[in-house]
Amino acid sequence: MALVEGVPEEDILKIKQEKITDKTLQSIRAYGWLPDMFRQIIRGAKDFLQEVIFKFKLPPKPVPKIDLQEWKDMQKLMYELQRQSIEIKRTQQDISSLKKQLSELRGLFKGKERKSLEGKIELLEDLEKRLHRSMEQIVKREGYPNVQSFQKVYNKAEELIIEYNEELRAWKNQTDQKKENPLEQPKKASVLEKLHRYQHEGRQQPKRSVKKKSMDRGR
């Protein structure tokens, strides 16, 4: 399985040497041949190799296709343009409202009031033009020829950021699953406890054997 998943053969052989052969020899020298302990060593080696396979298959962390600082600068610029746009809309609404008042103005003695409304409309229309020019100057200051050009670049950048965030979310889900379901490795304390138990049982076996032989002779 490890070979199929792409783990190099030399890595597998190294794990076999360190996690099985070396540990088995150490166990035999210290406690003699204990089949249960050998099975424990095999299970530990298997768990370790499974973890190596998992890490080997884990995809690398996604990399954004756009510089994140550049994206932040673009967002800041877009926010500034949106503020200008809100101001333009508000000005246009005021102009529309004043023009409606002007159209409803009737009477021969309304000349002064009509002139006042026309003056306000003229000022607001001039403000609207200046706000539009300001938007153009804002994007030119950042190296874009016009607002339309910046909007196209921003939309494309936004698509790349959305794609990156989706890839990053999927990558984090994989790593989170690894944290939530870690491969259990044999605990040192439990191994030592088993070693002591196996050692104790090994010492007790000859006594039971002698007792059995004496009972056989009695029979």
C-alpha atoms as a PDB file:
ATOM      1  CA  MET A   1       0.000   0.000   0.000  1.00  0.00           C
ATOM      2  CA  ALA A   2       2.806   2.389   0.875  1.00  0.00           C
ATOM      3  CA  LEU A   3       4.509   1.716  -2.473  1.00  0.00           C
ATOM      4  CA  VAL A   4       1.266   2.267  -4.388  1.00  0.00           C
ATOM      5  CA  GLU A   5       0.675   5.558  -2.548  1.00  0.00           C
ATOM      6  CA  GLY A   6       4.132   6.737  -3.613  1.00  0.00           C
ATOM      7  CA  VAL A   7       6.217   6.297  -0.449  1.00  0.00           C
ATOM      8  CA  PRO A   8       9.844   5.596  -1.550  1.00  0.00           C
ATOM      9  CA  GLU A   9      10.964   1.991  -1.014  1.00  0.00           C
ATOM     10  CA  GLU A  10      14.069   3.098   0.901  1.00  0.00           C
ATOM     11  CA  ASP A  11      11.822   4.892   3.419  1.00  0.00           C
ATOM     12  CA  ILE A  12       9.716   1.758   3.870  1.00  0.00           C
ATOM     13  CA  LEU A  13      12.799  -0.398   4.412  1.00  0.00           C
ATOM     14  CA  LYS A  14      14.149   2.102   6.923  1.00  0.00           C
ATOM     15  CA  ILE A  15      10.879   1.976   8.894  1.00  0.00           C
ATOM     16  CA  LYS A  16      10.965  -1.839   8.814  1.00  0.00           C
ATOM     17  CA  GLN A  17      14.547  -1.838  10.095  1.00  0.00           C
ATOM     18  CA  GLU A  18      13.993   0.713  12.878  1.00  0.00           C
ATOM     19  CA  LYS A  19      10.439  -0.122  13.955  1.00  0.00           C
ATOM     20  CA  ILE A  20      10.479  -3.938  13.596  1.00  0.00           C
ATOM     21  CA  THR A  21      13.948  -5.505  13.292  1.00  0.00           C
ATOM     22  CA  ASP A  22      15.781  -3.274  15.785  1.00  0.00           C
ATOM     23  CA  LYS A  23      12.948  -3.221  18.333  1.00  0.00           C
ATOM     24  CA  THR A  24      12.471  -7.000  18.094  1.00  0.00           C
ATOM     25  CA  LEU A  25      16.173  -7.617  18.734  1.00  0.00           C
ATOM     26  CA  GLN A  26      16.102  -5.243  21.717  1.00  0.00           C
ATOM     27  CA  SER A  27      13.048  -7.018  23.117  1.00  0.00           C
ATOM     28  CA  ILE A  28      14.586 -10.507  22.706  1.00  0.00           C
ATOM     29  CA  ARG A  29      17.838  -9.445  24.352  1.00  0.00           C
ATOM     30  CA  ALA A  30      15.992  -7.883  27.292  1.00  0.00           C
ATOM     31  CA  TYR A  31      13.108 -10.315  27.855  1.00  0.00           C
ATOM     32  CA  GLY A  32      13.505 -13.287  25.533  1.00  0.00           C
ATOM     33  CA  TRP A  33      11.085 -14.293  22.831  1.00  0.00           C
ATOM     34  CA  LEU A  34       7.590 -13.006  23.683  1.00  0.00           C
ATOM     35  CA  PRO A  35       5.056 -13.497  20.839  1.00  0.00           C
ATOM     36  CA  ASP A  36       2.626 -10.933  22.277  1.00  0.00           C
ATOM     37  CA  MET A  37       5.356  -8.323  22.461  1.00  0.00           C
ATOM     38  CA  PHE A  38       6.348  -9.085  18.857  1.00  0.00           C
ATOM     39  CA  ARG A  39       2.741  -8.554  17.765  1.00  0.00           C
ATOM     40  CA  GLN A  40       2.745  -5.256  19.652  1.00  0.00           C
ATOM     41  CA  ILE A  41       5.907  -4.193  17.784  1.00  0.00           C
ATOM     42  CA  ILE A  42       4.296  -5.104  14.446  1.00  0.00           C
ATOM     43  CA  ARG A  43       1.163  -3.095  15.277  1.00  0.00           C
ATOM     44  CA  GLY A  44       3.273  -0.093  16.246  1.00  0.00           C
ATOM     45  CA  ALA A  45       5.235  -0.297  12.984  1.00  0.00           C
ATOM     46  CA  LYS A  46       2.004  -0.571  10.994  1.00  0.00           C
ATOM     47  CA  ASP A  47       0.493   2.484  12.714  1.00  0.00           C
ATOM     48  CA  PHE A  48       3.677   4.468  12.105  1.00  0.00           C
ATOM     49  CA  LEU A  49       3.708   3.531   8.404  1.00  0.00           C
ATOM     50  CA  GLN A  50       0.037   4.475   8.052  1.00  0.00           C
ATOM     51  CA  GLU A  51       0.844   7.909   9.429  1.00  0.00           C
ATOM     52  CA  VAL A  52       3.722   8.253   6.964  1.00  0.00           C
ATOM     53  CA  ILE A  53       1.354   7.328   4.108  1.00  0.00           C
ATOM     54  CA  PHE A  54      -1.197   9.885   5.291  1.00  0.00           C
ATOM     55  CA  LYS A  55       1.380  12.672   5.545  1.00  0.00           C
ATOM     56  CA  PHE A  56       2.816  11.712   2.163  1.00  0.00           C
ATOM     57  CA  LYS A  57      -0.624  11.988   0.560  1.00  0.00           C
ATOM     58  CA  LEU A  58      -1.586  15.215   2.312  1.00  0.00           C
ATOM     59  CA  PRO A  59      -1.708  17.927  -0.361  1.00  0.00           C
ATOM     60  CA  PRO A  60       0.468  21.011   0.100  1.00  0.00           C
ATOM     61  CA  LYS A  61      -1.083  24.152   1.497  1.00  0.00           C
ATOM     62  CA  PRO A  62      -2.717  26.188  -1.302  1.00  0.00           C
ATOM     63  CA  VAL A  63      -0.889  29.267  -2.561  1.00  0.00           C
ATOM     64  CA  PRO A  64      -2.880  32.324  -3.732  1.00  0.00           C
ATOM     65  CA  LYS A  65      -2.503  33.199  -7.412  1.00  0.00           C
ATOM     66  CA  ILE A  66      -2.400  36.887  -6.486  1.00  0.00           C
ATOM     67  CA  ASP A  67      -0.294  38.779  -3.979  1.00  0.00           C
ATOM     68  CA  LEU A  68      -2.446  39.180  -0.849  1.00  0.00           C
ATOM     69  CA  GLN A  69      -1.046  42.619  -0.043  1.00  0.00           C
ATOM     70  CA  GLU A  70      -1.887  43.748  -3.558  1.00  0.00           C
ATOM     71  CA  TRP A  71      -5.422  42.422  -3.044  1.00  0.00           C
ATOM     72  CA  LYS A  72      -5.727  44.375   0.218  1.00  0.00           C
ATOM     73  CA  ASP A  73      -4.624  47.536  -1.606  1.00  0.00           C
ATOM     74  CA  MET A  74      -7.226  46.896  -4.278  1.00  0.00           C
ATOM     75  CA  GLN A  75      -9.920  46.415  -1.631  1.00  0.00           C
ATOM     76  CA  LYS A  76      -8.924  49.705  -0.029  1.00  0.00           C
ATOM     77  CA  LEU A  77      -9.163  51.432  -3.405  1.00  0.00           C
ATOM     78  CA  MET A  78     -12.551  49.831  -4.095  1.00  0.00           C
ATOM     79  CA  TYR A  79     -13.827  51.011  -0.714  1.00  0.00           C
ATOM     80  CA  GLU A  80     -12.739  54.559  -1.574  1.00  0.00           C
ATOM     81  CA  LEU A  81     -14.521  54.370  -4.943  1.00  0.00           C
ATOM     82  CA  GLN A  82     -17.667  53.001  -3.312  1.00  0.00           C
ATOM     83  CA  ARG A  83     -17.715  55.939  -0.901  1.00  0.00           C
ATOM     84  CA  GLN A  84     -17.464  58.294  -3.861  1.00  0.00           C
ATOM     85  CA  SER A  85     -20.232  56.405  -5.635  1.00  0.00           C
ATOM     86  CA  ILE A  86     -22.525  56.738  -2.611  1.00  0.00           C
ATOM     87  CA  GLU A  87     -21.864  60.457  -2.576  1.00  0.00           C
ATOM     88  CA  ILE A  88     -22.647  60.701  -6.287  1.00  0.00           C
ATOM     89  CA  LYS A  89     -25.946  58.849  -5.845  1.00  0.00           C
ATOM     90  CA  ARG A  90     -26.917  61.114  -2.979  1.00  0.00           C
ATOM     91  CA  THR A  91     -26.124  64.171  -5.112  1.00  0.00           C
ATOM     92  CA  GLN A  92     -28.136  62.773  -8.026  1.00  0.00           C
ATOM     93  CA  GLN A  93     -31.114  62.187  -5.729  1.00  0.00           C
ATOM     94  CA  ASP A  94     -30.901  65.774  -4.471  1.00  0.00           C
ATOM     95  CA  ILE A  95     -30.774  67.056  -8.052  1.00  0.00           C
ATOM     96  CA  SER A  96     -33.779  64.962  -9.014  1.00  0.00           C
ATOM     97  CA  SER A  97     -35.722  66.218  -6.004  1.00  0.00           C
ATOM     98  CA  LEU A  98     -34.916  69.875  -6.776  1.00  0.00           C
ATOM     99  CA  LYS A  99     -35.834  69.452 -10.437  1.00  0.00           C
ATOM    100  CA  LYS A 100     -39.177  68.004  -9.403  1.00  0.00           C
ATOM    101  CA  GLN A 101     -39.781  71.008  -7.141  1.00  0.00           C
ATOM    102  CA  LEU A 102     -38.840  73.309 -10.005  1.00  0.00           C
ATOM    103  CA  SER A 103     -41.247  71.593 -12.416  1.00  0.00           C
ATOM    104  CA  GLU A 104     -44.093  71.926  -9.933  1.00  0.00           C
ATOM    105  CA  LEU A 105     -43.405  75.598  -9.305  1.00  0.00           C
ATOM    106  CA  ARG A 106     -46.230  77.708 -10.764  1.00  0.00           C
ATOM    107  CA  GLY A 107     -47.144  81.371 -10.694  1.00  0.00           C
ATOM    108  CA  LEU A 108     -45.916  84.711 -11.947  1.00  0.00           C
ATOM    109  CA  PHE A 109     -44.414  85.684  -8.621  1.00  0.00           C
ATOM    110  CA  LYS A 110     -42.244  82.608  -8.205  1.00  0.00           C
ATOM    111  CA  GLY A 111     -39.291  83.942 -10.196  1.00  0.00           C
ATOM    112  CA  LYS A 112     -37.025  84.423  -7.181  1.00  0.00           C
ATOM    113  CA  GLU A 113     -37.794  80.962  -5.820  1.00  0.00           C
ATOM    114  CA  ARG A 114     -37.303  79.452  -9.275  1.00  0.00           C
ATOM    115  CA  LYS A 115     -33.940  81.134  -9.627  1.00  0.00           C
ATOM    116  CA  SER A 116     -32.882  79.832  -6.207  1.00  0.00           C
ATOM    117  CA  LEU A 117     -33.781  76.266  -7.177  1.00  0.00           C
ATOM    118  CA  GLU A 118     -31.963  76.573 -10.493  1.00  0.00           C
ATOM    119  CA  GLY A 119     -28.865  77.839  -8.641  1.00  0.00           C
ATOM    120  CA  LYS A 120     -28.922  74.880  -6.241  1.00  0.00           C
ATOM    121  CA  ILE A 121     -29.344  72.442  -9.130  1.00  0.00           C
ATOM    122  CA  GLU A 122     -26.404  74.002 -10.948  1.00  0.00           C
ATOM    123  CA  LEU A 123     -24.188  73.714  -7.865  1.00  0.00           C
ATOM    124  CA  LEU A 124     -25.140  70.069  -7.322  1.00  0.00           C
ATOM    125  CA  GLU A 125     -24.564  69.212 -10.977  1.00  0.00           C
ATOM    126  CA  ASP A 126     -21.131  70.803 -10.721  1.00  0.00           C
ATOM    127  CA  LEU A 127     -20.477  68.731  -7.565  1.00  0.00           C
ATOM    128  CA  GLU A 128     -21.540  65.582  -9.392  1.00  0.00           C
ATOM    129  CA  LYS A 129     -19.045  66.289 -12.185  1.00  0.00           C
ATOM    130  CA  ARG A 130     -16.254  66.888  -9.677  1.00  0.00           C
ATOM    131  CA  LEU A 131     -17.064  63.628  -7.890  1.00  0.00           C
ATOM    132  CA  HIS A 132     -16.856  61.731 -11.195  1.00  0.00           C
ATOM    133  CA  ARG A 133     -13.503  63.370 -11.979  1.00  0.00           C
ATOM    134  CA  SER A 134     -12.318  62.503  -8.492  1.00  0.00           C
ATOM    135  CA  MET A 135     -13.082  58.817  -9.101  1.00  0.00           C
ATOM    136  CA  GLU A 136     -11.032  58.881 -12.266  1.00  0.00           C
ATOM    137  CA  GLN A 137      -8.146  60.596 -10.486  1.00  0.00           C
ATOM    138  CA  ILE A 138      -8.239  58.011  -7.678  1.00  0.00           C
ATOM    139  CA  VAL A 139      -7.745  55.047 -10.041  1.00  0.00           C
ATOM    140  CA  LYS A 140      -5.155  56.889 -12.167  1.00  0.00           C
ATOM    141  CA  ARG A 141      -3.187  57.599  -9.008  1.00  0.00           C
ATOM    142  CA  GLU A 142      -2.923  53.830  -8.517  1.00  0.00           C
ATOM    143  CA  GLY A 143      -1.867  53.176 -12.114  1.00  0.00           C
ATOM    144  CA  TYR A 144      -5.192  52.353 -13.782  1.00  0.00           C
ATOM    145  CA  PRO A 145      -6.285  54.273 -16.919  1.00  0.00           C
ATOM    146  CA  ASN A 146      -9.915  54.554 -15.779  1.00  0.00           C
ATOM    147  CA  VAL A 147     -12.553  53.180 -13.402  1.00  0.00           C
ATOM    148  CA  GLN A 148     -13.769  50.560 -15.897  1.00  0.00           C
ATOM    149  CA  SER A 149     -10.267  49.153 -16.260  1.00  0.00           C
ATOM    150  CA  PHE A 150      -9.819  48.918 -12.514  1.00  0.00           C
ATOM    151  CA  GLN A 151     -13.237  47.246 -12.112  1.00  0.00           C
ATOM    152  CA  LYS A 152     -12.268  44.495 -14.573  1.00  0.00           C
ATOM    153  CA  VAL A 153      -8.970  43.836 -12.786  1.00  0.00           C
ATOM    154  CA  TYR A 154     -10.712  43.859  -9.408  1.00  0.00           C
ATOM    155  CA  ASN A 155     -13.373  41.362 -10.548  1.00  0.00           C
ATOM    156  CA  LYS A 156     -10.705  38.963 -11.844  1.00  0.00           C
ATOM    157  CA  ALA A 157      -8.682  39.303  -8.652  1.00  0.00           C
ATOM    158  CA  GLU A 158     -11.792  38.650  -6.584  1.00  0.00           C
ATOM    159  CA  GLU A 159     -12.408  35.401  -8.520  1.00  0.00           C
ATOM    160  CA  LEU A 160      -8.852  34.259  -7.750  1.00  0.00           C
ATOM    161  CA  ILE A 161      -9.282  35.085  -4.056  1.00  0.00           C
ATOM    162  CA  ILE A 162     -12.582  33.171  -3.872  1.00  0.00           C
ATOM    163  CA  GLU A 163     -10.911  30.186  -5.553  1.00  0.00           C
ATOM    164  CA  TYR A 164      -7.979  30.379  -3.116  1.00  0.00           C
ATOM    165  CA  ASN A 165     -10.292  30.578  -0.091  1.00  0.00           C
ATOM    166  CA  GLU A 166     -12.200  27.500  -1.260  1.00  0.00           C
ATOM    167  CA  GLU A 167      -8.943  25.550  -1.749  1.00  0.00           C
ATOM    168  CA  LEU A 168      -7.696  26.719   1.649  1.00  0.00           C
ATOM    169  CA  ARG A 169     -10.976  25.685   3.325  1.00  0.00           C
ATOM    170  CA  ALA A 170     -10.738  22.193   1.786  1.00  0.00           C
ATOM    171  CA  TRP A 171      -7.095  21.886   2.869  1.00  0.00           C
ATOM    172  CA  LYS A 172      -7.942  22.926   6.435  1.00  0.00           C
ATOM    173  CA  ASN A 173     -10.776  20.383   6.569  1.00  0.00           C
ATOM    174  CA  GLN A 174      -8.302  17.634   5.693  1.00  0.00           C
ATOM    175  CA  THR A 175      -5.809  18.720   8.326  1.00  0.00           C
ATOM    176  CA  ASP A 176      -8.593  19.125  10.911  1.00  0.00           C
ATOM    177  CA  GLN A 177      -9.750  15.556  10.255  1.00  0.00           C
ATOM    178  CA  LYS A 178      -6.201  14.433  10.906  1.00  0.00           C
ATOM    179  CA  LYS A 179      -6.207  16.268  14.255  1.00  0.00           C
ATOM    180  CA  GLU A 180      -9.623  14.920  15.223  1.00  0.00           C
ATOM    181  CA  ASN A 181      -8.757  11.307  14.289  1.00  0.00           C
ATOM    182  CA  PRO A 182      -5.045  10.889  14.993  1.00  0.00           C
ATOM    183  CA  LEU A 183      -3.475   7.510  14.417  1.00  0.00           C
ATOM    184  CA  GLU A 184      -2.918   6.063  17.875  1.00  0.00           C
ATOM    185  CA  GLN A 185       0.643   5.183  18.653  1.00  0.00           C
ATOM    186  CA  PRO A 186       1.547   2.691  21.416  1.00  0.00           C
ATOM    187  CA  LYS A 187       2.048   4.515  24.688  1.00  0.00           C
ATOM    188  CA  LYS A 188       5.373   3.955  26.414  1.00  0.00           C
ATOM    189  CA  ALA A 189       3.707   3.373  29.754  1.00  0.00           C
ATOM    190  CA  SER A 190       1.431   0.629  28.398  1.00  0.00           C
ATOM    191  CA  VAL A 191       4.362  -1.063  26.638  1.00  0.00           C
ATOM    192  CA  LEU A 192       6.388  -1.074  29.838  1.00  0.00           C
ATOM    193  CA  GLU A 193       3.444  -2.480  31.758  1.00  0.00           C
ATOM    194  CA  LYS A 194       3.104  -5.277  29.222  1.00  0.00           C
ATOM    195  CA  LEU A 195       6.837  -5.952  29.354  1.00  0.00           C
ATOM    196  CA  HIS A 196       6.663  -6.380  33.127  1.00  0.00           C
ATOM    197  CA  ARG A 197       3.594  -8.587  32.832  1.00  0.00           C
ATOM    198  CA  TYR A 198       5.150 -10.763  30.131  1.00  0.00           C
ATOM    199  CA  GLN A 199       8.340 -10.992  32.158  1.00  0.00           C
ATOM    200  CA  HIS A 200       6.392 -12.037  35.232  1.00  0.00           C
ATOM    201  CA  GLU A 201       4.411 -14.617  33.267  1.00  0.00           C
ATOM    202  CA  GLY A 202       7.609 -15.925  31.730  1.00  0.00           C
ATOM    203  CA  ARG A 203       9.096 -16.489  35.169  1.00  0.00           C
ATOM    204  CA  GLN A 204       5.944 -18.212  36.377  1.00  0.00           C
ATOM    205  CA  GLN A 205       5.727 -20.670  33.477  1.00  0.00           C
ATOM    206  CA  PRO A 206       8.608 -22.989  34.577  1.00  0.00           C
ATOM    207  CA  LYS A 207       7.021 -23.387  38.032  1.00  0.00           C
ATOM    208  CA  ARG A 208       3.693 -24.397  36.510  1.00  0.00           C
ATOM    209  CA  SER A 209       5.537 -26.777  34.210  1.00  0.00           C
ATOM    210  CA  VAL A 210       7.396 -28.461  37.099  1.00  0.00           C
ATOM    211  CA  LYS A 211       4.170 -28.790  39.058  1.00  0.00           C
ATOM    212  CA  LYS A 212       2.476 -30.403  36.093  1.00  0.00           C
ATOM    213  CA  LYS A 213       5.300 -32.919  35.656  1.00  0.00           C
ATOM    214  CA  SER A 214       5.162 -33.894  39.311  1.00  0.00           C
ATOM    215  CA  MET A 215       1.410 -34.400  39.031  1.00  0.00           C
ATOM    216  CA  ASP A 216       1.972 -36.577  35.948  1.00  0.00           C
ATOM    217  CA  ARG A 217       4.411 -38.751  37.879  1.00  0.00           C
ATOM    218  CA  GLY A 218       1.864 -39.071  40.712  1.00  0.00           C
ATOM    219  CA  ARG A 219      -0.654 -40.330  38.244  1.00  0.00           C
END
